[in-house]
N, C-alpha and C. Protein backbone atom coordinates (compact mmCIF):
# COMPACT_ATOMS: atom_id res chain seq x y z
N MET A 1 -47.15 -159.78 -102.91
CA MET A 1 -45.91 -158.84 -102.64
C MET A 1 -44.70 -159.49 -103.06
N ASP A 2 -43.84 -158.68 -103.66
CA ASP A 2 -42.57 -159.19 -104.10
C ASP A 2 -41.60 -159.53 -102.82
N LYS A 3 -40.75 -160.31 -103.20
CA LYS A 3 -39.78 -160.66 -102.11
C LYS A 3 -38.95 -159.50 -101.34
N LYS A 4 -38.57 -158.47 -102.28
CA LYS A 4 -37.89 -157.33 -101.80
C LYS A 4 -38.70 -156.56 -100.68
N THR A 5 -40.01 -156.32 -101.19
CA THR A 5 -40.87 -155.70 -100.30
C THR A 5 -41.07 -156.50 -98.98
N GLU A 6 -41.26 -157.90 -99.12
CA GLU A 6 -41.43 -158.77 -97.86
C GLU A 6 -40.27 -158.47 -96.96
N ALA A 7 -38.96 -158.65 -97.64
CA ALA A 7 -37.82 -158.56 -96.73
C ALA A 7 -37.68 -157.31 -96.09
N TYR A 8 -38.14 -156.12 -96.78
CA TYR A 8 -37.98 -154.78 -96.31
C TYR A 8 -38.92 -154.81 -95.09
N ASN A 9 -40.03 -155.27 -95.31
CA ASN A 9 -40.99 -155.09 -94.15
C ASN A 9 -40.63 -155.96 -92.81
N TYR A 10 -39.97 -157.03 -93.20
CA TYR A 10 -39.41 -157.96 -92.07
C TYR A 10 -38.41 -157.10 -91.29
N HIS A 11 -37.56 -156.57 -92.07
CA HIS A 11 -36.37 -155.71 -91.46
C HIS A 11 -37.09 -154.61 -90.63
N HIS A 12 -38.14 -153.92 -91.08
CA HIS A 12 -38.55 -152.77 -90.39
C HIS A 12 -39.66 -153.14 -89.21
N ILE A 13 -39.70 -154.36 -88.98
CA ILE A 13 -40.36 -154.88 -87.86
C ILE A 13 -39.46 -155.49 -86.85
N GLY A 14 -38.24 -155.37 -87.06
CA GLY A 14 -37.11 -155.78 -86.18
C GLY A 14 -36.35 -156.96 -86.60
N TYR A 15 -36.48 -157.62 -87.61
CA TYR A 15 -35.86 -158.78 -87.87
C TYR A 15 -34.41 -158.25 -88.26
N ASN A 16 -33.40 -158.95 -88.02
CA ASN A 16 -32.09 -158.59 -88.49
C ASN A 16 -31.92 -158.76 -89.85
N CYS A 17 -30.77 -158.48 -90.62
CA CYS A 17 -30.44 -158.49 -91.98
C CYS A 17 -30.60 -160.01 -92.47
N ALA A 18 -29.96 -160.88 -91.76
CA ALA A 18 -30.01 -162.25 -92.07
C ALA A 18 -31.45 -162.81 -92.10
N GLN A 19 -32.19 -162.54 -91.18
CA GLN A 19 -33.53 -162.90 -90.99
C GLN A 19 -34.23 -162.36 -92.22
N ALA A 20 -34.28 -161.03 -92.26
CA ALA A 20 -35.12 -160.29 -93.29
C ALA A 20 -34.86 -160.99 -94.71
N ALA A 21 -33.59 -161.06 -95.11
CA ALA A 21 -33.18 -161.58 -96.39
C ALA A 21 -33.70 -162.87 -96.66
N ILE A 22 -33.66 -163.88 -95.70
CA ILE A 22 -33.90 -165.31 -95.92
C ILE A 22 -35.50 -165.60 -95.81
N MET A 23 -36.14 -164.88 -94.89
CA MET A 23 -37.51 -165.35 -94.68
C MET A 23 -38.47 -165.31 -95.83
N PRO A 24 -38.31 -164.41 -96.91
CA PRO A 24 -39.15 -164.39 -98.01
C PRO A 24 -38.97 -165.75 -98.84
N PHE A 25 -37.99 -166.54 -98.56
CA PHE A 25 -37.82 -167.83 -99.35
C PHE A 25 -38.01 -169.06 -98.57
N CYS A 26 -38.55 -168.94 -97.35
CA CYS A 26 -38.97 -170.06 -96.56
C CYS A 26 -39.84 -171.03 -97.31
N ASP A 27 -40.83 -170.70 -98.01
CA ASP A 27 -41.75 -171.46 -98.43
C ASP A 27 -41.08 -172.21 -99.75
N GLU A 28 -40.46 -171.36 -100.57
CA GLU A 28 -39.75 -171.86 -101.78
C GLU A 28 -38.54 -173.00 -101.38
N LEU A 29 -37.99 -172.80 -100.39
CA LEU A 29 -36.89 -173.54 -99.92
C LEU A 29 -37.31 -174.71 -98.92
N GLY A 30 -38.45 -174.73 -98.52
CA GLY A 30 -38.95 -175.73 -97.47
C GLY A 30 -38.40 -175.42 -96.07
N PHE A 31 -38.20 -174.15 -95.80
CA PHE A 31 -37.76 -173.86 -94.46
C PHE A 31 -39.07 -173.67 -93.62
N ASP A 32 -38.89 -174.10 -92.24
CA ASP A 32 -39.94 -173.75 -91.29
C ASP A 32 -39.82 -172.26 -90.82
N LYS A 33 -40.60 -171.50 -90.91
CA LYS A 33 -40.39 -170.01 -90.60
C LYS A 33 -39.88 -169.92 -89.22
N GLU A 34 -40.30 -170.45 -88.29
CA GLU A 34 -39.88 -170.27 -86.86
C GLU A 34 -38.49 -170.70 -86.73
N GLN A 35 -38.11 -171.93 -87.19
CA GLN A 35 -36.92 -172.53 -87.10
C GLN A 35 -35.73 -171.44 -87.91
N THR A 36 -36.09 -171.07 -88.99
CA THR A 36 -35.28 -170.07 -89.91
C THR A 36 -35.07 -168.84 -89.03
N PHE A 37 -36.07 -168.25 -88.53
CA PHE A 37 -35.95 -167.16 -87.75
C PHE A 37 -34.83 -167.44 -86.61
N LYS A 38 -34.97 -168.43 -85.86
CA LYS A 38 -34.05 -168.76 -84.80
C LYS A 38 -32.68 -169.09 -85.47
N MET A 39 -32.64 -169.86 -86.57
CA MET A 39 -31.23 -170.06 -87.02
C MET A 39 -30.56 -168.87 -87.55
N ALA A 40 -31.35 -167.87 -88.04
CA ALA A 40 -30.68 -166.67 -88.87
C ALA A 40 -30.43 -165.64 -87.77
N GLU A 41 -30.92 -165.72 -86.57
CA GLU A 41 -30.67 -164.58 -85.44
C GLU A 41 -29.28 -164.35 -85.14
N ALA A 42 -28.42 -165.34 -84.96
CA ALA A 42 -26.88 -165.16 -84.66
C ALA A 42 -26.22 -164.41 -85.85
N PHE A 43 -26.81 -164.48 -87.07
CA PHE A 43 -26.12 -164.01 -88.05
C PHE A 43 -26.25 -162.61 -88.50
N GLY A 44 -27.12 -161.86 -87.73
CA GLY A 44 -27.39 -160.38 -87.71
C GLY A 44 -26.04 -159.62 -87.31
N PHE A 45 -25.99 -158.49 -87.75
CA PHE A 45 -24.86 -157.64 -87.50
C PHE A 45 -23.44 -158.28 -87.60
N GLY A 46 -23.47 -158.99 -88.71
CA GLY A 46 -22.16 -159.67 -89.01
C GLY A 46 -21.79 -160.66 -88.02
N MET A 47 -22.76 -161.56 -87.61
CA MET A 47 -22.59 -162.57 -86.63
C MET A 47 -22.14 -161.88 -85.26
N GLY A 48 -22.92 -160.70 -85.03
CA GLY A 48 -22.69 -160.03 -83.78
C GLY A 48 -21.28 -159.25 -83.64
N THR A 49 -20.48 -159.33 -84.57
CA THR A 49 -19.05 -158.79 -84.50
C THR A 49 -18.77 -157.88 -85.78
N ALA A 50 -19.83 -157.50 -86.46
CA ALA A 50 -19.63 -156.55 -87.68
C ALA A 50 -18.67 -157.35 -88.70
N GLY A 51 -18.80 -158.78 -88.76
CA GLY A 51 -18.06 -159.50 -89.64
C GLY A 51 -18.77 -159.56 -90.94
N THR A 52 -19.07 -160.78 -91.46
CA THR A 52 -19.72 -160.98 -92.81
C THR A 52 -21.15 -160.54 -92.64
N CYS A 53 -21.59 -159.72 -93.52
CA CYS A 53 -22.86 -159.08 -93.49
C CYS A 53 -23.97 -160.30 -93.37
N GLY A 54 -24.95 -160.04 -92.60
CA GLY A 54 -25.97 -160.96 -92.27
C GLY A 54 -26.80 -161.30 -93.54
N ALA A 55 -27.10 -160.29 -94.55
CA ALA A 55 -27.69 -160.51 -95.87
C ALA A 55 -26.80 -161.53 -96.62
N VAL A 56 -25.58 -161.41 -96.70
CA VAL A 56 -24.73 -162.23 -97.40
C VAL A 56 -24.75 -163.63 -96.70
N SER A 57 -24.96 -163.81 -95.32
CA SER A 57 -25.21 -165.03 -94.84
C SER A 57 -26.40 -165.70 -95.18
N ALA A 58 -27.45 -164.99 -95.55
CA ALA A 58 -28.84 -165.42 -95.87
C ALA A 58 -28.53 -165.97 -97.18
N ILE A 59 -27.72 -165.29 -98.05
CA ILE A 59 -27.57 -166.09 -99.45
C ILE A 59 -26.88 -167.42 -99.23
N ALA A 60 -25.96 -167.36 -98.46
CA ALA A 60 -25.28 -168.79 -98.01
C ALA A 60 -26.27 -169.83 -97.83
N PHE A 61 -27.35 -169.46 -96.77
CA PHE A 61 -28.22 -170.43 -96.42
C PHE A 61 -29.04 -170.76 -97.51
N ALA A 62 -29.50 -169.77 -98.57
CA ALA A 62 -30.29 -170.23 -99.52
C ALA A 62 -29.62 -171.25 -100.63
N MET A 63 -28.34 -170.85 -100.88
CA MET A 63 -27.51 -171.69 -101.79
C MET A 63 -27.50 -173.14 -101.19
N GLY A 64 -27.04 -173.27 -99.93
CA GLY A 64 -26.97 -174.64 -99.31
C GLY A 64 -28.23 -175.26 -99.42
N MET A 65 -29.37 -174.77 -98.87
CA MET A 65 -30.56 -175.38 -98.92
C MET A 65 -31.10 -175.90 -100.26
N LYS A 66 -30.79 -175.04 -101.27
CA LYS A 66 -31.15 -175.38 -102.64
C LYS A 66 -30.30 -176.35 -103.27
N ASN A 67 -29.04 -176.22 -103.07
CA ASN A 67 -28.00 -177.12 -103.77
C ASN A 67 -27.66 -178.41 -103.08
N SER A 68 -27.65 -178.54 -101.92
CA SER A 68 -27.09 -179.57 -101.12
C SER A 68 -28.07 -180.90 -101.52
N ASN A 69 -27.29 -181.90 -101.61
CA ASN A 69 -28.14 -183.25 -101.95
C ASN A 69 -28.86 -183.80 -100.69
N GLY A 70 -28.51 -183.19 -99.52
CA GLY A 70 -29.17 -183.66 -98.24
C GLY A 70 -28.92 -185.10 -97.86
N ASN A 71 -27.96 -185.76 -98.53
CA ASN A 71 -27.73 -187.08 -98.05
C ASN A 71 -26.65 -187.11 -97.04
N LEU A 72 -26.81 -187.31 -95.93
CA LEU A 72 -26.04 -187.41 -94.74
C LEU A 72 -24.88 -188.15 -94.89
N GLY A 73 -25.09 -189.25 -95.77
CA GLY A 73 -23.69 -190.24 -95.82
C GLY A 73 -22.87 -189.77 -97.12
N GLU A 74 -23.35 -188.86 -97.74
CA GLU A 74 -22.53 -188.48 -98.92
C GLU A 74 -22.33 -186.86 -99.02
N GLY A 75 -22.02 -186.33 -98.03
CA GLY A 75 -21.82 -184.91 -98.00
C GLY A 75 -21.05 -184.25 -99.10
N GLU A 76 -19.95 -185.11 -99.42
CA GLU A 76 -19.00 -184.50 -100.40
C GLU A 76 -19.58 -184.30 -101.72
N ARG A 77 -20.57 -184.87 -102.21
CA ARG A 77 -21.09 -184.94 -103.48
C ARG A 77 -21.63 -183.61 -103.96
N SER A 78 -22.05 -182.76 -103.02
CA SER A 78 -22.70 -181.58 -103.55
C SER A 78 -22.00 -180.23 -102.90
N LYS A 79 -21.05 -180.55 -102.05
CA LYS A 79 -20.34 -179.50 -101.39
C LYS A 79 -19.70 -178.53 -102.34
N GLY A 80 -18.81 -179.25 -103.21
CA GLY A 80 -18.14 -178.44 -104.11
C GLY A 80 -18.86 -177.42 -104.96
N GLU A 81 -19.95 -177.91 -105.58
CA GLU A 81 -20.89 -177.09 -106.33
C GLU A 81 -21.54 -176.05 -105.53
N THR A 82 -21.90 -176.32 -104.36
CA THR A 82 -22.56 -175.30 -103.43
C THR A 82 -21.51 -174.18 -103.19
N TYR A 83 -20.23 -174.59 -102.91
CA TYR A 83 -19.13 -173.60 -102.72
C TYR A 83 -18.91 -172.85 -103.90
N LYS A 84 -19.09 -173.31 -105.07
CA LYS A 84 -18.81 -172.53 -106.44
C LYS A 84 -20.09 -171.63 -106.36
N LEU A 85 -21.23 -171.88 -106.13
CA LEU A 85 -22.35 -171.07 -106.14
C LEU A 85 -22.15 -169.79 -105.17
N ILE A 86 -21.78 -170.13 -103.82
CA ILE A 86 -21.68 -169.12 -102.89
C ILE A 86 -20.59 -168.14 -103.35
N ARG A 87 -19.53 -168.63 -103.96
CA ARG A 87 -18.56 -167.64 -104.41
C ARG A 87 -18.99 -166.82 -105.43
N GLU A 88 -19.69 -167.51 -106.35
CA GLU A 88 -20.43 -166.59 -107.36
C GLU A 88 -21.39 -165.54 -106.88
N ALA A 89 -22.01 -165.68 -105.92
CA ALA A 89 -23.10 -165.03 -105.15
C ALA A 89 -22.34 -163.95 -104.48
N ILE A 90 -21.30 -164.18 -103.74
CA ILE A 90 -20.49 -163.24 -102.85
C ILE A 90 -19.69 -162.18 -103.92
N GLU A 91 -19.29 -162.82 -104.88
CA GLU A 91 -18.62 -161.79 -106.03
C GLU A 91 -19.75 -160.86 -106.39
N LYS A 92 -20.77 -161.21 -106.78
CA LYS A 92 -21.95 -160.41 -107.31
C LYS A 92 -22.27 -159.35 -106.15
N PHE A 93 -22.39 -159.84 -104.93
CA PHE A 93 -22.52 -158.73 -103.80
C PHE A 93 -21.57 -157.72 -103.71
N GLN A 94 -20.26 -158.42 -103.68
CA GLN A 94 -19.05 -157.46 -103.59
C GLN A 94 -18.81 -156.49 -104.70
N VAL A 95 -19.21 -156.88 -105.84
CA VAL A 95 -19.13 -155.90 -106.98
C VAL A 95 -20.20 -154.69 -106.78
N LYS A 96 -21.35 -155.18 -106.31
CA LYS A 96 -22.52 -154.12 -106.17
C LYS A 96 -21.99 -153.12 -105.06
N ASN A 97 -21.35 -153.67 -103.92
CA ASN A 97 -21.36 -152.97 -102.81
C ASN A 97 -20.10 -152.47 -102.21
N GLY A 98 -18.96 -153.15 -102.89
CA GLY A 98 -17.57 -152.85 -102.38
C GLY A 98 -17.21 -153.57 -101.21
N SER A 99 -17.97 -154.48 -100.67
CA SER A 99 -17.60 -155.28 -99.55
C SER A 99 -18.69 -156.26 -99.25
N VAL A 100 -18.30 -157.28 -98.32
CA VAL A 100 -19.27 -158.23 -97.89
C VAL A 100 -19.20 -158.18 -96.28
N THR A 101 -18.49 -157.19 -95.74
CA THR A 101 -18.19 -157.08 -94.35
C THR A 101 -19.09 -155.93 -93.75
N CYS A 102 -19.93 -156.23 -92.66
CA CYS A 102 -20.77 -155.46 -92.17
C CYS A 102 -20.11 -154.17 -91.77
N ARG A 103 -18.90 -154.29 -91.00
CA ARG A 103 -18.10 -153.07 -90.60
C ARG A 103 -17.69 -152.25 -91.71
N GLU A 104 -17.37 -152.64 -92.82
CA GLU A 104 -17.11 -151.88 -93.97
C GLU A 104 -18.22 -151.25 -94.67
N LEU A 105 -19.35 -152.09 -94.89
CA LEU A 105 -20.62 -151.53 -95.49
C LEU A 105 -21.23 -150.58 -94.58
N LYS A 106 -21.19 -150.53 -93.41
CA LYS A 106 -21.77 -149.43 -92.48
C LYS A 106 -20.70 -148.29 -92.37
N GLY A 107 -19.59 -148.37 -92.64
CA GLY A 107 -18.53 -147.25 -92.66
C GLY A 107 -18.11 -147.11 -91.09
N MET A 108 -18.06 -148.04 -90.33
CA MET A 108 -17.73 -148.01 -89.07
C MET A 108 -16.27 -147.41 -88.63
N ASP A 109 -15.35 -147.71 -89.52
CA ASP A 109 -14.10 -147.35 -89.26
C ASP A 109 -13.75 -146.15 -90.12
N THR A 110 -14.41 -145.89 -91.27
CA THR A 110 -14.14 -144.79 -92.06
C THR A 110 -15.27 -143.69 -92.08
N GLY A 111 -16.38 -143.86 -91.68
CA GLY A 111 -17.33 -143.00 -91.65
C GLY A 111 -18.10 -142.78 -92.98
N LYS A 112 -17.64 -143.73 -93.99
CA LYS A 112 -18.23 -143.76 -95.31
C LYS A 112 -19.14 -144.99 -95.53
N VAL A 113 -20.35 -144.75 -95.35
CA VAL A 113 -21.22 -145.98 -95.58
C VAL A 113 -21.34 -146.39 -97.03
N LEU A 114 -21.08 -147.57 -97.24
CA LEU A 114 -21.03 -148.09 -98.64
C LEU A 114 -22.29 -148.49 -98.98
N ARG A 115 -23.27 -149.03 -98.09
CA ARG A 115 -24.57 -149.47 -98.46
C ARG A 115 -25.33 -149.65 -97.18
N SER A 116 -26.56 -149.13 -97.15
CA SER A 116 -27.33 -149.35 -95.99
C SER A 116 -27.70 -150.75 -95.73
N CYS A 117 -28.28 -151.05 -94.59
CA CYS A 117 -28.83 -152.36 -94.25
C CYS A 117 -30.00 -152.78 -95.26
N ASP A 118 -30.79 -151.84 -95.35
CA ASP A 118 -32.09 -151.97 -96.33
C ASP A 118 -31.37 -152.31 -97.78
N GLY A 119 -30.45 -151.74 -98.23
CA GLY A 119 -29.80 -151.88 -99.45
C GLY A 119 -29.21 -153.18 -99.66
N CYS A 120 -28.38 -153.62 -98.68
CA CYS A 120 -27.72 -155.06 -98.62
C CYS A 120 -28.82 -156.09 -98.68
N ILE A 121 -29.99 -155.83 -97.78
CA ILE A 121 -31.06 -156.83 -97.96
C ILE A 121 -31.70 -156.92 -99.30
N GLU A 122 -31.86 -155.89 -99.82
CA GLU A 122 -32.46 -155.87 -101.26
C GLU A 122 -31.59 -156.54 -102.21
N ASP A 123 -30.14 -156.21 -101.96
CA ASP A 123 -29.18 -156.86 -103.10
C ASP A 123 -29.23 -158.30 -102.75
N ALA A 124 -29.16 -158.67 -101.60
CA ALA A 124 -29.13 -160.23 -101.23
C ALA A 124 -30.44 -160.80 -101.69
N VAL A 125 -31.58 -160.44 -101.59
CA VAL A 125 -32.80 -160.91 -102.11
C VAL A 125 -32.82 -161.03 -103.64
N GLU A 126 -32.24 -159.98 -104.35
CA GLU A 126 -32.14 -160.05 -105.85
C GLU A 126 -31.12 -161.16 -106.26
N ILE A 127 -29.96 -161.29 -105.34
CA ILE A 127 -29.05 -162.34 -105.85
C ILE A 127 -29.67 -163.72 -105.47
N ILE A 128 -30.21 -163.87 -104.41
CA ILE A 128 -30.90 -165.22 -104.18
C ILE A 128 -31.80 -165.65 -105.29
N GLU A 129 -32.73 -164.63 -105.65
CA GLU A 129 -33.73 -164.78 -106.70
C GLU A 129 -32.91 -165.27 -108.02
N GLU A 130 -31.95 -164.64 -108.37
CA GLU A 130 -31.18 -164.77 -109.52
C GLU A 130 -30.58 -166.13 -109.57
N MET A 131 -29.98 -166.51 -108.46
CA MET A 131 -29.26 -167.70 -108.34
C MET A 131 -30.19 -169.04 -108.30
N LEU A 132 -31.42 -168.76 -107.60
CA LEU A 132 -32.28 -169.78 -107.50
C LEU A 132 -32.83 -170.17 -108.86
N ALA A 133 -33.10 -169.04 -109.57
CA ALA A 133 -33.58 -169.22 -110.96
C ALA A 133 -32.76 -170.12 -111.93
N LYS A 134 -31.35 -170.11 -111.53
CA LYS A 134 -30.50 -170.87 -112.46
C LYS A 134 -30.25 -172.33 -111.85
N LEU A 135 -30.92 -172.73 -110.86
CA LEU A 135 -30.89 -174.09 -110.11
C LEU A 135 -32.04 -174.88 -110.35
């Protein structure tokens, strides 16, 4: 099963957008599935406040896990490159959807939905796949 379909299936059994978008990458990134599920839970519905889209948060998780050097004593070494990667990924998402904010994507203030949650998850998975292929 491809990762977009896997993410769609997760979302439709009740996983939030962050959980659904990151779970298909657990094995590839060395994530424990239960821990990942727990970690991503607070990032759904824009961290519970309709802020940054949960699917966008999943992109950040993936970029950090793939790019960080993991050296607790030398955190500065990979941080700048990781920030560069997430800025690039967020720009891709922004261009595709017109926003990275859950409130705006859902049209909560305007009544105009820019992108459905399923669409945001699909776009996040696509961006993660594309970015990971470059690393």
